[in-house]
Each structure stands twice: as C-alpha cells, then as structure tokens.
Amino acid sequence: MVSGKGSTLVDVDGKELIDFICMFSATNLGHCHPKLVKAVTDSVQTITLANMSTHSAEWPLVAKALCTRLGFDKVTPMCTGAEAADTACKIARKWGITFKGIAPEDVLVLGTSENYHGLTAGIWPIMEPLDQHEYGVFSKNITNVHPGTGKVLRYLHVEDFEAVLSEYHGRVAAVIMECFHGMAPTFEEELEFAKGVRQLCKKYNVLFISDEVRQGAGKTGKFLSSEWMGPENKPDMVTMGKSISGGAYPASFVLGSNEVMTLVKPYQSASSFAMAPQANAAVLATLSVIDEENLLERALMIQAKWKEETSTWKHPFVKYITSRGGDMNIILDQSYEGVTARRVARLAYQKSALMYSQVDRVRLGVALTITDEELEKGMVILKETLDEIRSYADIPGSNHKADA
C-alpha cells in the first residue's frame, strides 16, 4: 500500500481498495483522519521525544482521561499490544506472589485457546500450542493448558476453568482472555463464557484480565468489549493498544486498581517510546473523535447493516457469519473444492476489497468512520466473490507458501 484516506487504500499499482481489514483493528478511525493527523503532526513539529527520563506534559492528561473513562485507579504505558499483555501478566504474577503468597516458581497465569495476545517471548507461551518450540520459548508460569493434564483450556468451555481453578487456584494469580473475539457463532455464547470465567475468578480470588487490544476503543459498540458483561463482572485489569491511538503512533496501556498497579516500581514497566508526545497526542485526539462522532453508536449501526445484508446470503461452504460491531468473520467449510479463505480474500482483492485469510475463516473489520457507501460497496464485492469463487481456476496470489 502507498496511501490511504478514510476507508480507501491505494496499492503500488494504483489500484483503489475498500479497506475491510482495518489493519487488524488498529485504524478504527480510518486512514488520515484530519483531527488525528493534525494532533500528531503538531506534536512531532514541537518536540521529538520526552520519555521516562522526564515526562511529556500531556502524559498526565492521558493517564487521567483513561482512568476516568474506564474506571480504574492507575495506568502504566507501553508501545505495543503484545507488551501490554506481557506487562499485565507480569504485574499479575507479582500480585499473586505478594497478596496470595504464591511461591515465585509456582505462580500461574492462565489463558484460553483461540485467543491472541502477541508474539513476544514473554506472552507467546500462553497461546500454546503454536510454534514456540522452534524458538525454545516455553513457560511453566504462563500457559493455556491445564498444569496437571496438559490439555488446552478451551474457549467457550467454562467447565475447563472450573476444573483447573478448583484444583490449582492456590497457585493461579490471573486469567487473561479476549472476552469477545467474534469467532463463535453467537455473541451470547461468548458473553456467557466470559461471565462464567470472570465469576470463577471472583470465587477463587484470581485476577481477571480483559485483553482489549483488538476489541477495545469502541470496536464492539462499547468502549471496552468487557462492558457487555455488566458492571458486576468488571475486569480487575485491562490492556489497551492498537486503535487507542487511532493507529497513528504506537501506544498501549495496562489499567487496574491501586492494589495491583502500585506494585509496579520505577523502571519495572518502561520503554523509551512509552508516553511519547506523539502517542499522547494521538490518544487524546482519538478519544475526542470517538466522542464527537458517536463512534460507539456507529459500531452498532455497522453491525446492524452487516447482519441485515448477510442474513440473505446462501452459500453451502459458509458455516456461519459473525459480527461484533465493526469486527466480522466468515467461517468456511473448506471441504468444498475451490474454496479456501485465501482464495476468497485474493479474489476479493481482484475486485477491489482488502480482507484477510486465516485458516478456515475470512477475517474482516471496518473503520468505525466508514461511510455507508463504502460499507455497502465492500459488502457487494464480498457477496459477488462468494457467489463466484467456485467457478474460478487460478486466482493470483491464492497459492501461498504459508498454506503448504
């Protein structure tokens, strides 16, 4: 890609594309939102960097804005979503050692299957099994498998967490999850699972961490996706990233209560580019745009339009289609000849819509600022792609070495 404006991208060949991936939800305000561009441009022309050696004058404003809006006592900043998840688990382990008296070598943070938290060596083990063995990245303290049985703790299976916490709660400091990743057939399934695990955490004195890097900042129609669970199920900690800064400058955060966050001492959570002036400017501008343009409401309008349109689609190779605000998925049955997620995504690209393929699903997401015209144009392209996909032979780019 060489340029973007709103929900339209231009690639190196000059081809215009409707952006239906939203840079994995990092650009929820679209490309080059004028208020965001001005804020970051003004900042970078004023000062290059003020970090933990001093402090950017806007950092206290960002900290107060986030804590006030989200109802937490303190916040610590990083740069990437992976760093935020990694840091949240690190802080949670210290809480377990300090307040539950867990031995450092025994303390556990548990995750669940089908969740993504990043690929740093610190957080990657919680997404086992993947390819960690190729890099020698393992951990007995941060995992998504039952410590006794070695079985993966399955998303949507509260009973897996009841089993592990009933036996190991004395060693478990926290559970971290994406409460709503949008791949289950219904929203209600995800809601009941998240609420069930959160209540188990309360029962067994375990911190509940909601990873909001992807689905936070208004993506699902509430500022935090975990707000759908109700105030009685509020997480103990949340992570923010991606579009909290509109994708214009890397910024991520962990928020929590005083009991948890005051455990963090100077230089135990830090980065040369955390609290950067441009990050602060981008976050403040993003919060302003979300409010001024009623983007939480817009997310629900996008969801309604998507559901109305896709409810009429009939394709034998489509298992189901989901939406959580501006985040969508098409789950495929790839036993049908000529149908793979990559072929769908590549044919859609030929027809001028950008989306992404992942194993058996086509992953989609739109900016909350997308116009009705752009949204409708993208949906027309997608339906046409699904209607025609089985009639195509070779599709440029559909045979990728990663699929082998």
Protein backbone atom coordinates (compact mmCIF):
# COMPACT_ATOMS: atom_id res chain seq x y z
CA MET A 1 0.00 0.00 0.00
CA VAL A 2 1.16 3.52 -0.72
CA SER A 3 -1.67 5.70 0.57
CA GLY A 4 -4.99 5.70 2.33
CA LYS A 5 -7.84 8.06 3.03
CA GLY A 6 -10.78 7.10 5.19
CA SER A 7 -11.62 3.51 4.21
CA THR A 8 -9.97 3.62 0.79
CA LEU A 9 -6.45 2.34 0.19
CA VAL A 10 -4.23 2.62 -2.88
CA ASP A 11 -1.66 -0.08 -3.66
CA VAL A 12 1.63 0.13 -5.57
CA ASP A 13 -0.18 -0.43 -8.87
CA GLY A 14 -2.54 2.48 -8.27
CA LYS A 15 -5.44 0.14 -7.53
CA GLU A 16 -8.05 1.55 -5.14
CA LEU A 17 -9.36 -0.84 -2.48
CA ILE A 18 -12.09 -0.69 0.12
CA ASP A 19 -10.34 -1.36 3.44
CA PHE A 20 -12.15 -4.32 5.01
CA ILE A 21 -9.37 -5.34 7.39
CA CYS A 22 -8.73 -2.03 9.17
CA MET A 23 -5.12 -3.07 9.79
CA PHE A 24 -6.33 -5.68 12.29
CA SER A 25 -8.41 -3.03 14.09
CA ALA A 26 -5.53 -0.59 14.52
CA THR A 27 -7.10 2.02 12.23
CA ASN A 28 -10.60 2.23 13.68
CA LEU A 29 -10.69 5.92 12.75
CA GLY A 30 -9.82 5.15 9.15
CA HIS A 31 -6.73 6.45 7.38
CA CYS A 32 -5.54 10.03 7.80
CA HIS A 33 -8.38 11.28 9.97
CA PRO A 34 -7.81 15.05 9.85
CA LYS A 35 -8.03 15.60 13.62
CA LEU A 36 -5.61 12.75 14.27
CA VAL A 37 -3.19 13.88 11.57
CA LYS A 38 -3.16 17.43 12.95
CA ALA A 39 -2.56 16.28 16.53
CA VAL A 40 0.37 14.03 15.65
CA THR A 41 1.85 16.49 13.13
CA ASP A 42 1.68 19.38 15.58
CA SER A 43 3.34 17.22 18.22
CA VAL A 44 6.19 15.96 16.07
CA GLN A 45 6.90 19.54 14.94
CA THR A 46 7.03 20.68 18.55
CA ILE A 47 9.19 18.05 20.27
CA THR A 48 10.77 14.81 19.12
CA LEU A 49 10.62 12.78 22.31
CA ALA A 50 10.07 13.17 26.04
CA ASN A 51 10.06 9.83 27.83
CA MET A 52 10.58 8.39 31.30
CA SER A 53 13.74 10.48 31.71
CA THR A 54 11.40 13.47 32.13
CA HIS A 55 7.74 13.24 31.06
CA SER A 56 5.66 14.66 28.25
CA ALA A 57 3.38 17.42 29.54
CA GLU A 58 0.40 15.60 28.01
CA TRP A 59 1.06 12.30 29.75
CA PRO A 60 -0.86 13.18 32.95
CA LEU A 61 -3.80 14.23 30.77
CA VAL A 62 -3.76 10.87 29.01
CA ALA A 63 -3.46 8.94 32.27
CA LYS A 64 -6.34 10.85 33.84
CA ALA A 65 -8.51 10.57 30.72
CA LEU A 66 -8.05 6.77 30.51
CA CYS A 67 -8.50 6.09 34.23
CA THR A 68 -11.56 8.34 34.48
CA ARG A 69 -13.23 6.96 31.39
CA LEU A 70 -12.56 3.30 32.17
CA GLY A 71 -12.97 3.42 35.94
CA PHE A 72 -9.52 2.32 37.05
CA ASP A 73 -7.08 3.84 39.54
CA LYS A 74 -3.77 3.70 37.69
CA VAL A 75 -2.29 3.10 34.26
CA THR A 76 1.14 2.09 33.01
CA PRO A 77 2.14 2.69 29.36
CA MET A 78 3.94 0.62 26.75
CA CYS A 79 4.08 0.74 22.95
CA THR A 80 2.55 -2.45 21.54
CA GLY A 81 -0.37 -4.70 22.37
CA ALA A 82 1.97 -7.64 22.98
CA GLU A 83 3.89 -5.54 25.52
CA ALA A 84 0.62 -4.63 27.23
CA ALA A 85 -0.45 -8.27 27.57
CA ASP A 86 3.04 -9.28 28.67
CA THR A 87 3.13 -6.49 31.27
CA ALA A 88 -0.34 -7.29 32.60
CA CYS A 89 0.69 -10.90 33.18
CA LYS A 90 3.95 -9.76 34.80
CA ILE A 91 2.11 -7.47 37.20
CA ALA A 92 -0.47 -10.17 37.94
CA ARG A 93 2.26 -12.62 38.88
CA LYS A 94 3.72 -10.10 41.33
CA TRP A 95 0.24 -9.63 42.81
CA GLY A 96 -0.08 -13.39 43.27
CA ILE A 97 3.29 -13.59 44.97
CA THR A 98 2.61 -10.53 47.16
CA PHE A 99 -1.05 -10.97 48.13
CA LYS A 100 -1.70 -14.70 47.76
CA GLY A 101 1.68 -15.82 48.98
CA ILE A 102 2.39 -17.96 45.94
CA ALA A 103 5.99 -19.06 45.56
CA PRO A 104 7.60 -17.29 42.56
CA GLU A 105 8.44 -20.58 40.87
CA ASP A 106 4.84 -21.79 41.23
CA VAL A 107 2.80 -18.72 40.27
CA LEU A 108 0.50 -19.23 37.27
CA VAL A 109 -1.28 -17.02 34.75
CA LEU A 110 -3.73 -18.91 32.57
CA GLY A 111 -5.07 -18.16 29.11
CA THR A 112 -7.53 -19.89 26.81
CA SER A 113 -7.48 -21.37 23.34
CA GLU A 114 -8.31 -19.36 20.22
CA ASN A 115 -7.06 -16.12 21.78
CA TYR A 116 -4.25 -13.91 20.53
CA HIS A 117 -2.07 -11.79 22.81
CA GLY A 118 1.12 -11.18 20.80
CA LEU A 119 4.38 -12.90 19.93
CA THR A 120 6.97 -11.65 22.41
CA ALA A 121 8.83 -14.39 24.26
CA GLY A 122 7.06 -13.30 27.44
CA ILE A 123 3.46 -13.70 26.25
CA TRP A 124 3.74 -16.24 23.43
CA PRO A 125 3.68 -19.34 25.71
CA ILE A 126 0.11 -18.52 26.77
CA MET A 127 -1.05 -19.31 23.24
CA GLU A 128 0.31 -22.84 23.17
CA PRO A 129 0.31 -24.90 21.11
CA LEU A 130 1.82 -22.86 18.29
CA ASP A 131 5.42 -22.84 17.07
CA GLN A 132 7.19 -21.84 20.27
CA HIS A 133 9.36 -24.96 20.19
CA GLU A 134 11.11 -23.63 17.08
CA TYR A 135 12.41 -20.74 19.20
CA GLY A 136 12.77 -22.52 22.52
CA VAL A 137 10.06 -20.33 24.03
CA PHE A 138 8.36 -22.17 26.88
CA SER A 139 6.96 -21.26 30.28
CA LYS A 140 5.52 -23.20 33.21
CA ASN A 141 4.18 -19.97 34.71
CA ILE A 142 2.16 -18.60 31.81
CA THR A 143 0.15 -21.11 29.78
CA ASN A 144 -3.25 -22.01 28.40
CA VAL A 145 -3.05 -25.68 29.32
CA HIS A 146 -4.16 -27.47 32.49
CA PRO A 147 -0.95 -27.91 34.56
CA GLY A 148 -1.95 -31.42 35.60
CA THR A 149 -3.43 -32.91 32.45
CA GLY A 150 -1.66 -30.86 29.78
CA LYS A 151 -4.98 -30.34 28.00
CA VAL A 152 -5.68 -26.96 26.41
CA LEU A 153 -8.15 -24.77 28.29
CA ARG A 154 -10.80 -24.36 25.62
CA TYR A 155 -12.52 -21.12 24.70
CA LEU A 156 -16.28 -21.31 25.37
CA HIS A 157 -15.81 -24.14 27.90
CA VAL A 158 -16.33 -22.77 31.40
CA GLU A 159 -16.02 -26.30 32.77
CA ASP A 160 -12.33 -26.36 31.77
CA PHE A 161 -11.69 -23.36 34.01
CA GLU A 162 -13.81 -24.74 36.84
CA ALA A 163 -11.69 -27.87 36.75
CA VAL A 164 -8.33 -26.12 36.73
CA LEU A 165 -9.21 -23.43 39.27
CA SER A 166 -10.86 -25.82 41.70
CA GLU A 167 -7.58 -27.73 41.85
CA TYR A 168 -4.93 -25.08 41.27
CA HIS A 169 -6.50 -21.81 42.48
CA GLY A 170 -3.88 -21.52 45.22
CA ARG A 171 -1.22 -21.14 42.51
CA VAL A 172 -3.16 -19.07 39.97
CA ALA A 173 -2.66 -15.30 40.02
CA ALA A 174 -4.74 -14.42 36.96
CA VAL A 175 -6.67 -15.47 33.88
CA ILE A 176 -6.29 -13.37 30.72
CA MET A 177 -8.56 -13.53 27.70
CA GLU A 178 -10.08 -11.68 24.80
CA CYS A 179 -13.65 -11.70 26.06
CA PHE A 180 -15.20 -11.35 22.59
CA HIS A 181 -13.07 -12.47 19.67
CA GLY A 182 -16.05 -12.84 17.33
CA MET A 183 -15.43 -16.34 16.04
CA ALA A 184 -18.17 -18.13 17.97
CA PRO A 185 -21.47 -18.45 16.08
CA THR A 186 -23.31 -16.15 18.51
CA PHE A 187 -22.46 -13.24 20.77
CA GLU A 188 -24.38 -14.88 23.60
CA GLU A 189 -22.01 -17.88 23.65
CA GLU A 190 -19.02 -15.63 24.15
CA LEU A 191 -20.85 -13.49 26.72
CA GLU A 192 -21.85 -16.44 28.90
CA PHE A 193 -18.36 -17.92 28.72
CA ALA A 194 -16.63 -14.66 29.66
CA LYS A 195 -19.06 -14.03 32.51
CA GLY A 196 -18.66 -17.61 33.74
CA VAL A 197 -14.87 -17.41 33.86
CA ARG A 198 -14.97 -13.97 35.45
CA GLN A 199 -17.23 -15.29 38.25
CA LEU A 200 -14.89 -18.24 38.80
CA CYS A 201 -12.03 -15.78 39.21
CA LYS A 202 -14.01 -13.97 41.90
CA LYS A 203 -14.81 -17.25 43.62
CA TYR A 204 -11.18 -18.36 43.75
CA ASN A 205 -9.51 -14.94 44.34
CA VAL A 206 -7.90 -14.82 40.90
CA LEU A 207 -7.40 -11.65 38.85
CA PHE A 208 -9.41 -11.42 35.63
CA ILE A 209 -7.60 -9.59 32.82
CA SER A 210 -9.52 -8.50 29.73
CA ASP A 211 -7.29 -8.10 26.68
CA GLU A 212 -8.94 -5.17 24.90
CA VAL A 213 -6.14 -4.53 22.41
CA ARG A 214 -8.24 -5.65 19.45
CA GLN A 215 -11.83 -5.17 20.57
CA GLY A 216 -11.43 -2.11 22.78
CA ALA A 217 -11.64 1.58 21.83
CA GLY A 218 -15.25 1.23 20.72
CA LYS A 219 -14.96 -1.61 18.22
CA THR A 220 -17.90 -3.62 19.58
CA GLY A 221 -20.25 -0.73 20.40
CA LYS A 222 -18.95 -0.17 23.92
CA PHE A 223 -15.63 1.44 24.71
CA LEU A 224 -14.41 -1.78 26.31
CA SER A 225 -15.80 -5.04 24.98
CA SER A 226 -15.86 -6.35 28.55
CA GLU A 227 -18.52 -3.72 29.38
CA TRP A 228 -21.03 -6.06 27.71
CA MET A 229 -20.58 -8.31 30.75
CA GLY A 230 -22.10 -5.71 33.08
CA PRO A 231 -20.55 -3.75 35.97
CA GLU A 232 -20.77 -6.76 38.27
CA ASN A 233 -18.25 -8.53 36.02
CA LYS A 234 -15.81 -5.66 35.57
CA PRO A 235 -12.26 -6.97 34.98
CA ASP A 236 -9.53 -6.41 37.55
CA MET A 237 -7.18 -5.27 34.79
CA VAL A 238 -7.47 -4.38 31.11
CA THR A 239 -4.97 -3.98 28.31
CA MET A 240 -5.37 -1.39 25.58
CA GLY A 241 -3.49 -0.94 22.30
CA LYS A 242 -3.93 -0.79 18.54
CA SER A 243 -6.63 1.81 17.90
CA ILE A 244 -6.43 3.54 21.27
CA SER A 245 -4.13 5.88 19.34
CA GLY A 246 -6.00 5.57 16.04
CA GLY A 247 -3.10 3.60 14.57
CA ALA A 248 -1.21 6.87 14.13
CA TYR A 249 1.51 6.20 16.71
CA PRO A 250 2.18 3.06 18.77
CA ALA A 251 0.72 3.23 22.26
CA SER A 252 -0.54 0.59 24.67
CA PHE A 253 -1.61 0.53 28.29
CA VAL A 254 -2.41 -1.64 31.29
CA LEU A 255 -5.03 -0.31 33.69
CA GLY A 256 -6.03 -1.64 37.08
CA SER A 257 -6.81 -0.96 40.72
CA ASN A 258 -4.43 0.58 43.22
CA GLU A 259 -3.87 -2.81 44.87
CA VAL A 260 -2.50 -4.22 41.64
CA MET A 261 -0.89 -1.24 39.93
CA THR A 262 1.01 0.20 42.93
CA LEU A 263 3.12 -2.96 42.85
CA VAL A 264 4.90 -1.54 39.80
CA LYS A 265 8.06 0.26 40.89
CA PRO A 266 10.16 2.68 38.78
CA TYR A 267 11.83 1.04 35.77
CA GLN A 268 9.83 -2.19 36.19
CA SER A 269 7.43 -1.17 33.42
CA ALA A 270 9.07 1.18 30.97
CA SER A 271 10.04 1.84 27.37
CA SER A 272 11.99 4.58 25.62
CA PHE A 273 8.93 5.35 23.50
CA ALA A 274 6.18 4.84 26.08
CA MET A 275 4.45 8.11 26.97
CA ALA A 276 5.91 9.67 23.81
CA PRO A 277 4.43 13.09 22.98
CA GLN A 278 3.10 11.87 19.65
CA ALA A 279 1.46 8.86 21.34
CA ASN A 280 -0.16 11.13 23.91
CA ALA A 281 -1.42 13.49 21.24
CA ALA A 282 -2.81 10.59 19.22
CA VAL A 283 -4.62 9.07 22.22
CA LEU A 284 -6.22 12.36 23.25
CA ALA A 285 -7.30 13.04 19.67
CA THR A 286 -8.70 9.52 19.31
CA LEU A 287 -10.77 9.80 22.49
CA SER A 288 -12.12 13.12 21.24
CA VAL A 289 -13.06 11.73 17.81
CA ILE A 290 -14.79 8.70 19.32
CA ASP A 291 -16.97 11.01 21.40
CA GLU A 292 -17.58 13.76 18.85
CA GLU A 293 -18.50 11.38 16.04
CA ASN A 294 -20.56 9.00 18.22
CA LEU A 295 -18.47 6.04 17.10
CA LEU A 296 -19.83 3.64 19.72
CA GLU A 297 -23.27 4.11 18.22
CA ARG A 298 -21.76 3.90 14.75
CA ALA A 299 -20.26 0.49 15.58
CA LEU A 300 -23.73 -0.85 16.36
CA MET A 301 -25.15 0.66 13.17
CA ILE A 302 -22.41 -1.06 11.16
CA GLN A 303 -23.23 -4.34 12.86
CA ALA A 304 -26.93 -3.94 12.08
CA LYS A 305 -26.25 -3.21 8.39
CA TRP A 306 -23.87 -6.15 8.16
CA LYS A 307 -26.34 -8.56 9.75
CA GLU A 308 -29.21 -7.36 7.58
CA GLU A 309 -27.19 -7.82 4.40
CA THR A 310 -25.52 -11.14 5.20
CA SER A 311 -28.69 -12.74 6.55
CA THR A 312 -29.82 -13.27 2.95
CA TRP A 313 -26.58 -14.87 1.77
CA LYS A 314 -26.83 -18.57 0.96
CA HIS A 315 -23.58 -20.40 0.25
CA PRO A 316 -23.15 -24.09 1.07
CA PHE A 317 -19.49 -23.64 2.03
CA VAL A 318 -20.20 -20.88 4.56
CA LYS A 319 -20.73 -22.34 8.05
CA TYR A 320 -21.74 -19.02 9.60
CA ILE A 321 -21.07 -15.30 9.53
CA THR A 322 -20.49 -13.24 12.67
CA SER A 323 -20.18 -9.61 13.68
CA ARG A 324 -19.22 -7.77 16.84
CA GLY A 325 -19.68 -4.14 15.96
CA GLY A 326 -17.16 -3.33 13.23
CA ASP A 327 -15.37 -6.68 13.57
CA MET A 328 -16.61 -9.56 11.39
CA ASN A 329 -15.73 -13.12 10.40
CA ILE A 330 -16.86 -15.54 7.71
CA ILE A 331 -16.27 -19.14 8.83
CA LEU A 332 -15.84 -21.53 5.91
CA ASP A 333 -16.23 -25.24 5.30
CA GLN A 334 -13.16 -25.78 3.16
CA SER A 335 -14.11 -29.31 2.16
CA TYR A 336 -15.72 -27.73 -0.88
CA GLU A 337 -13.47 -27.81 -3.93
CA GLY A 338 -12.19 -24.40 -4.95
CA VAL A 339 -12.97 -22.74 -1.62
CA THR A 340 -10.28 -21.62 0.79
CA ALA A 341 -10.14 -18.48 2.87
CA ARG A 342 -7.13 -17.31 0.92
CA ARG A 343 -8.85 -17.79 -2.43
CA VAL A 344 -11.80 -15.76 -1.18
CA ALA A 345 -9.55 -12.97 0.08
CA ARG A 346 -7.47 -12.89 -3.10
CA LEU A 347 -10.49 -12.84 -5.40
CA ALA A 348 -11.98 -10.03 -3.34
CA TYR A 349 -8.70 -8.17 -3.78
CA GLN A 350 -9.00 -8.51 -7.55
CA LYS A 351 -12.45 -6.98 -7.18
CA SER A 352 -11.04 -4.08 -5.09
CA ALA A 353 -11.72 -5.03 -1.46
CA LEU A 354 -9.00 -5.80 1.08
CA MET A 355 -9.66 -8.57 3.62
CA TYR A 356 -7.57 -11.26 5.27
CA SER A 357 -7.48 -15.06 5.28
CA GLN A 358 -6.79 -17.17 8.37
CA VAL A 359 -7.04 -20.96 8.07
CA ASP A 360 -10.80 -21.56 7.78
CA ARG A 361 -12.07 -18.02 8.09
CA VAL A 362 -12.06 -14.75 6.24
CA ARG A 363 -11.26 -12.08 8.78
CA LEU A 364 -12.82 -8.66 8.26
CA GLY A 365 -13.00 -5.38 10.09
CA VAL A 366 -14.01 -1.89 9.12
CA ALA A 367 -13.19 1.54 10.45
CA LEU A 368 -15.92 2.97 12.64
CA THR A 369 -15.77 6.04 10.38
CA ILE A 370 -16.56 4.07 7.22
CA THR A 371 -19.31 5.66 5.16
CA ASP A 372 -22.50 3.79 4.30
CA GLU A 373 -21.46 3.94 0.65
CA GLU A 374 -18.06 2.35 1.36
CA LEU A 375 -19.60 -0.30 3.60
CA GLU A 376 -22.21 -1.22 1.02
CA LYS A 377 -19.64 -1.31 -1.77
CA GLY A 378 -17.46 -3.69 0.23
CA MET A 379 -20.39 -5.98 1.03
CA VAL A 380 -21.41 -6.09 -2.64
CA ILE A 381 -17.87 -7.13 -3.58
CA LEU A 382 -17.81 -9.76 -0.87
CA LYS A 383 -21.13 -11.30 -1.88
CA GLU A 384 -20.10 -11.34 -5.53
CA THR A 385 -16.84 -13.04 -4.50
CA LEU A 386 -18.68 -15.77 -2.57
CA ASP A 387 -21.16 -16.23 -5.42
CA GLU A 388 -18.37 -16.77 -7.95
CA ILE A 389 -15.49 -18.32 -6.00
CA ARG A 390 -16.11 -21.93 -7.04
CA SER A 391 -16.16 -21.05 -10.73
CA TYR A 392 -12.57 -19.77 -10.76
CA ALA A 393 -9.48 -21.79 -11.54
CA ASP A 394 -6.23 -19.99 -10.64
CA ILE A 395 -6.54 -16.77 -8.65
CA PRO A 396 -3.34 -14.69 -8.50
CA GLY A 397 -1.72 -14.99 -5.08
CA SER A 398 -4.06 -17.73 -3.82
CA ASN A 399 -1.35 -20.38 -3.57
CA HIS A 400 0.88 -19.15 -0.79
CA LYS A 401 3.86 -20.99 0.65
CA ALA A 402 2.45 -20.49 4.17
CA ASP A 403 -0.53 -22.68 3.21
CA ALA A 404 1.66 -25.68 2.34
